[in-house]
Amino acid sequence: EDSLSISKHESDIIIKEIYSRMIKIVEGDTSLNSIKEHANLSSRYEAYNNITRVIVAYAANKLGYINIINDIMGDCTNPMYKELFEMYLRKKD
């Protein structure tokens, strides 16, 4: 289920992990393998997994890793996120 509705405690833990991954990317942990690893949050909450995928797909795009964007977003289960990201990519070009 793609729902952000979880306990505050669990939300705090997951948001902290997403933030940690974002910081690693910003600080230069940007090898192709690292980007792929950052995209796989693997929490039990699909909504947060999907948010992480979008963030990392955006970073991959900015870093020029165009070839892995489809793989990252292919794992996203939220059709709206997929469509919005596709619109972003089309508009960018």
N, C-alpha and C. Protein backbone atom coordinates (compact mmCIF):
# COMPACT_ATOMS: atom_id res chain seq x y z
N GLU A 1 0.84 -1.18 0.00
CA GLU A 1 0.00 0.00 0.00
C GLU A 1 0.88 1.24 0.00
N ASP A 2 0.53 2.20 -0.83
CA ASP A 2 1.29 3.43 -0.96
C ASP A 2 0.66 4.50 -0.08
N SER A 3 0.93 4.42 1.21
CA SER A 3 0.36 5.36 2.17
C SER A 3 1.46 5.90 3.08
N LEU A 4 1.41 7.18 3.32
CA LEU A 4 2.39 7.80 4.22
C LEU A 4 1.94 7.74 5.67
N SER A 5 0.77 7.18 5.91
CA SER A 5 0.17 7.15 7.23
C SER A 5 0.78 6.03 8.09
N ILE A 6 1.78 6.41 8.86
CA ILE A 6 2.41 5.47 9.80
C ILE A 6 2.66 6.23 11.10
N SER A 7 3.09 5.52 12.12
CA SER A 7 3.33 6.17 13.40
C SER A 7 4.46 7.20 13.28
N LYS A 8 4.42 8.18 14.14
CA LYS A 8 5.45 9.21 14.15
C LYS A 8 6.83 8.60 14.38
N HIS A 9 6.90 7.66 15.28
CA HIS A 9 8.19 7.01 15.57
C HIS A 9 8.75 6.35 14.31
N GLU A 10 7.93 5.57 13.63
CA GLU A 10 8.40 4.90 12.41
C GLU A 10 8.72 5.91 11.32
N SER A 11 7.89 6.92 11.20
CA SER A 11 8.12 7.96 10.21
C SER A 11 9.46 8.65 10.46
N ASP A 12 9.74 8.99 11.71
CA ASP A 12 11.00 9.65 12.05
C ASP A 12 12.20 8.80 11.64
N ILE A 13 12.12 7.51 11.87
CA ILE A 13 13.22 6.60 11.52
C ILE A 13 13.43 6.57 10.01
N ILE A 14 12.34 6.45 9.27
CA ILE A 14 12.44 6.34 7.82
C ILE A 14 12.90 7.66 7.20
N ILE A 15 12.34 8.77 7.67
CA ILE A 15 12.75 10.08 7.15
C ILE A 15 14.23 10.33 7.43
N LYS A 16 14.68 9.91 8.60
CA LYS A 16 16.11 10.05 8.93
C LYS A 16 16.97 9.25 7.95
N GLU A 17 16.53 8.06 7.59
CA GLU A 17 17.28 7.23 6.64
C GLU A 17 17.27 7.86 5.24
N ILE A 18 16.13 8.36 4.81
CA ILE A 18 16.06 9.02 3.49
C ILE A 18 16.99 10.23 3.49
N TYR A 19 16.94 11.02 4.55
CA TYR A 19 17.80 12.19 4.67
C TYR A 19 19.28 11.80 4.63
N SER A 20 19.62 10.74 5.32
CA SER A 20 21.00 10.25 5.33
C SER A 20 21.46 9.89 3.92
N ARG A 21 20.61 9.26 3.16
CA ARG A 21 20.96 8.90 1.78
C ARG A 21 21.13 10.15 0.93
N MET A 22 20.27 11.13 1.13
CA MET A 22 20.39 12.38 0.38
C MET A 22 21.71 13.07 0.70
N ILE A 23 22.08 13.10 1.97
CA ILE A 23 23.34 13.73 2.38
C ILE A 23 24.53 13.00 1.74
N LYS A 24 24.48 11.68 1.73
CA LYS A 24 25.58 10.92 1.12
C LYS A 24 25.74 11.29 -0.35
N ILE A 25 24.63 11.43 -1.05
CA ILE A 25 24.69 11.81 -2.46
C ILE A 25 25.26 13.21 -2.61
N VAL A 26 24.77 14.15 -1.82
CA VAL A 26 25.25 15.54 -1.89
C VAL A 26 26.73 15.62 -1.56
N GLU A 27 27.18 14.79 -0.63
CA GLU A 27 28.59 14.83 -0.22
C GLU A 27 29.50 14.05 -1.15
N GLY A 28 28.94 13.45 -2.20
CA GLY A 28 29.79 12.85 -3.22
C GLY A 28 29.78 11.34 -3.32
N ASP A 29 28.92 10.66 -2.59
CA ASP A 29 28.83 9.20 -2.70
C ASP A 29 27.96 8.89 -3.92
N THR A 30 28.56 9.11 -5.09
CA THR A 30 27.77 9.12 -6.32
C THR A 30 28.25 8.14 -7.40
N SER A 31 28.96 7.11 -6.99
CA SER A 31 29.31 6.11 -8.00
C SER A 31 28.02 5.45 -8.49
N LEU A 32 28.06 4.85 -9.63
CA LEU A 32 26.88 4.19 -10.18
C LEU A 32 26.30 3.18 -9.20
N ASN A 33 27.16 2.36 -8.61
CA ASN A 33 26.70 1.36 -7.64
C ASN A 33 26.09 2.01 -6.40
N SER A 34 26.70 3.10 -5.93
CA SER A 34 26.16 3.79 -4.76
C SER A 34 24.78 4.35 -5.04
N ILE A 35 24.61 4.93 -6.20
CA ILE A 35 23.30 5.49 -6.56
C ILE A 35 22.26 4.37 -6.58
N LYS A 36 22.59 3.24 -7.16
CA LYS A 36 21.65 2.11 -7.17
C LYS A 36 21.31 1.67 -5.75
N GLU A 37 22.30 1.62 -4.88
CA GLU A 37 22.06 1.23 -3.49
C GLU A 37 21.19 2.25 -2.76
N HIS A 38 21.44 3.53 -3.00
CA HIS A 38 20.65 4.58 -2.36
C HIS A 38 19.18 4.49 -2.76
N ALA A 39 18.91 4.02 -3.96
CA ALA A 39 17.53 3.94 -4.47
C ALA A 39 16.72 2.85 -3.78
N ASN A 40 17.38 1.88 -3.18
CA ASN A 40 16.69 0.74 -2.57
C ASN A 40 16.57 0.91 -1.06
N LEU A 41 15.57 1.65 -0.64
CA LEU A 41 15.34 1.85 0.78
C LEU A 41 14.91 0.55 1.46
N SER A 42 14.10 -0.22 0.79
CA SER A 42 13.63 -1.52 1.28
C SER A 42 12.96 -1.45 2.65
N SER A 43 12.21 -0.38 2.87
CA SER A 43 11.41 -0.34 4.09
C SER A 43 10.15 -1.16 3.83
N ARG A 44 9.39 -1.40 4.86
CA ARG A 44 8.15 -2.16 4.66
C ARG A 44 7.01 -1.24 4.24
N TYR A 45 7.32 0.04 4.06
CA TYR A 45 6.32 1.03 3.65
C TYR A 45 6.61 1.50 2.23
N GLU A 46 5.84 1.04 1.30
CA GLU A 46 6.08 1.30 -0.12
C GLU A 46 6.07 2.79 -0.44
N ALA A 47 5.25 3.56 0.25
CA ALA A 47 5.20 5.00 -0.03
C ALA A 47 6.57 5.65 0.17
N TYR A 48 7.25 5.27 1.22
CA TYR A 48 8.57 5.84 1.50
C TYR A 48 9.62 5.28 0.55
N ASN A 49 9.47 4.03 0.17
CA ASN A 49 10.36 3.46 -0.84
C ASN A 49 10.23 4.25 -2.14
N ASN A 50 8.98 4.58 -2.51
CA ASN A 50 8.74 5.31 -3.74
C ASN A 50 9.30 6.72 -3.69
N ILE A 51 9.14 7.40 -2.57
CA ILE A 51 9.71 8.74 -2.42
C ILE A 51 11.23 8.69 -2.60
N THR A 52 11.85 7.70 -2.00
CA THR A 52 13.30 7.53 -2.12
C THR A 52 13.69 7.30 -3.57
N ARG A 53 12.93 6.49 -4.28
CA ARG A 53 13.23 6.23 -5.70
C ARG A 53 13.18 7.51 -6.52
N VAL A 54 12.18 8.34 -6.27
CA VAL A 54 12.06 9.59 -7.02
C VAL A 54 13.25 10.50 -6.72
N ILE A 55 13.59 10.64 -5.46
CA ILE A 55 14.73 11.49 -5.08
C ILE A 55 16.01 11.00 -5.74
N VAL A 56 16.25 9.70 -5.69
CA VAL A 56 17.49 9.16 -6.24
C VAL A 56 17.47 9.19 -7.77
N ALA A 57 16.32 8.98 -8.38
CA ALA A 57 16.23 9.09 -9.84
C ALA A 57 16.55 10.52 -10.28
N TYR A 58 16.06 11.49 -9.53
CA TYR A 58 16.38 12.89 -9.82
C TYR A 58 17.89 13.12 -9.72
N ALA A 59 18.50 12.60 -8.66
CA ALA A 59 19.95 12.75 -8.49
C ALA A 59 20.70 12.05 -9.62
N ALA A 60 20.25 10.85 -9.99
CA ALA A 60 20.89 10.12 -11.08
C ALA A 60 20.83 10.92 -12.37
N ASN A 61 19.70 11.55 -12.61
CA ASN A 61 19.55 12.38 -13.80
C ASN A 61 20.53 13.55 -13.76
N LYS A 62 20.62 14.22 -12.63
CA LYS A 62 21.54 15.36 -12.50
C LYS A 62 22.99 14.93 -12.64
N LEU A 63 23.30 13.70 -12.23
CA LEU A 63 24.67 13.19 -12.32
C LEU A 63 25.00 12.60 -13.69
N GLY A 64 24.00 12.52 -14.56
CA GLY A 64 24.23 11.99 -15.90
C GLY A 64 24.08 10.48 -16.01
N TYR A 65 23.55 9.83 -14.98
CA TYR A 65 23.33 8.38 -15.02
C TYR A 65 21.96 8.08 -15.64
N ILE A 66 21.79 8.54 -16.84
CA ILE A 66 20.51 8.44 -17.54
C ILE A 66 20.09 6.98 -17.70
N ASN A 67 21.05 6.10 -17.89
CA ASN A 67 20.75 4.69 -18.16
C ASN A 67 20.13 3.95 -16.98
N ILE A 68 20.21 4.47 -15.77
CA ILE A 68 19.62 3.74 -14.64
C ILE A 68 18.30 4.35 -14.15
N ILE A 69 17.93 5.49 -14.70
CA ILE A 69 16.69 6.14 -14.26
C ILE A 69 15.49 5.23 -14.47
N ASN A 70 15.40 4.59 -15.63
CA ASN A 70 14.27 3.70 -15.90
C ASN A 70 14.24 2.52 -14.94
N ASP A 71 15.40 2.01 -14.57
CA ASP A 71 15.45 0.91 -13.60
C ASP A 71 14.94 1.37 -12.24
N ILE A 72 15.40 2.53 -11.82
CA ILE A 72 14.99 3.05 -10.51
C ILE A 72 13.49 3.32 -10.50
N MET A 73 13.01 4.06 -11.48
CA MET A 73 11.59 4.41 -11.51
C MET A 73 10.73 3.21 -11.90
N GLY A 74 11.31 2.22 -12.53
CA GLY A 74 10.57 1.00 -12.86
C GLY A 74 10.13 0.25 -11.61
N ASP A 75 10.87 0.44 -10.53
CA ASP A 75 10.51 -0.20 -9.26
C ASP A 75 9.48 0.61 -8.47
N CYS A 76 9.22 1.84 -8.90
CA CYS A 76 8.25 2.70 -8.22
C CYS A 76 6.84 2.16 -8.48
N THR A 77 6.07 2.00 -7.44
CA THR A 77 4.73 1.44 -7.57
C THR A 77 3.64 2.51 -7.59
N ASN A 78 4.04 3.78 -7.52
CA ASN A 78 3.06 4.87 -7.52
C ASN A 78 2.98 5.45 -8.93
N PRO A 79 1.87 5.20 -9.65
CA PRO A 79 1.75 5.68 -11.03
C PRO A 79 1.83 7.20 -11.15
N MET A 80 1.35 7.92 -10.15
CA MET A 80 1.41 9.38 -10.20
C MET A 80 2.85 9.87 -10.13
N TYR A 81 3.66 9.28 -9.26
CA TYR A 81 5.07 9.66 -9.19
C TYR A 81 5.76 9.37 -10.51
N LYS A 82 5.45 8.22 -11.09
CA LYS A 82 6.07 7.86 -12.37
C LYS A 82 5.71 8.88 -13.44
N GLU A 83 4.43 9.22 -13.53
CA GLU A 83 3.98 10.17 -14.54
C GLU A 83 4.60 11.55 -14.32
N LEU A 84 4.62 12.01 -13.08
CA LEU A 84 5.22 13.31 -12.79
C LEU A 84 6.71 13.33 -13.13
N PHE A 85 7.39 12.24 -12.84
CA PHE A 85 8.82 12.20 -13.16
C PHE A 85 9.04 12.18 -14.66
N GLU A 86 8.21 11.45 -15.39
CA GLU A 86 8.29 11.45 -16.85
C GLU A 86 8.03 12.85 -17.41
N MET A 87 7.05 13.53 -16.84
CA MET A 87 6.77 14.90 -17.28
C MET A 87 7.97 15.81 -17.02
N TYR A 88 8.61 15.64 -15.87
CA TYR A 88 9.80 16.42 -15.56
C TYR A 88 10.90 16.16 -16.60
N LEU A 89 11.11 14.89 -16.92
CA LEU A 89 12.16 14.56 -17.89
C LEU A 89 11.83 15.13 -19.27
N ARG A 90 10.58 15.06 -19.69
CA ARG A 90 10.19 15.60 -21.00
C ARG A 90 10.35 17.12 -21.02
N LYS A 91 9.96 17.77 -19.97
CA LYS A 91 10.04 19.23 -19.89
C LYS A 91 11.50 19.69 -19.88
N LYS A 92 12.34 18.91 -19.22
CA LYS A 92 13.76 19.22 -19.10
C LYS A 92 14.42 19.24 -20.49
N ASP A 93 13.98 18.34 -21.35
CA ASP A 93 14.59 18.24 -22.70
C ASP A 93 14.11 19.34 -23.55
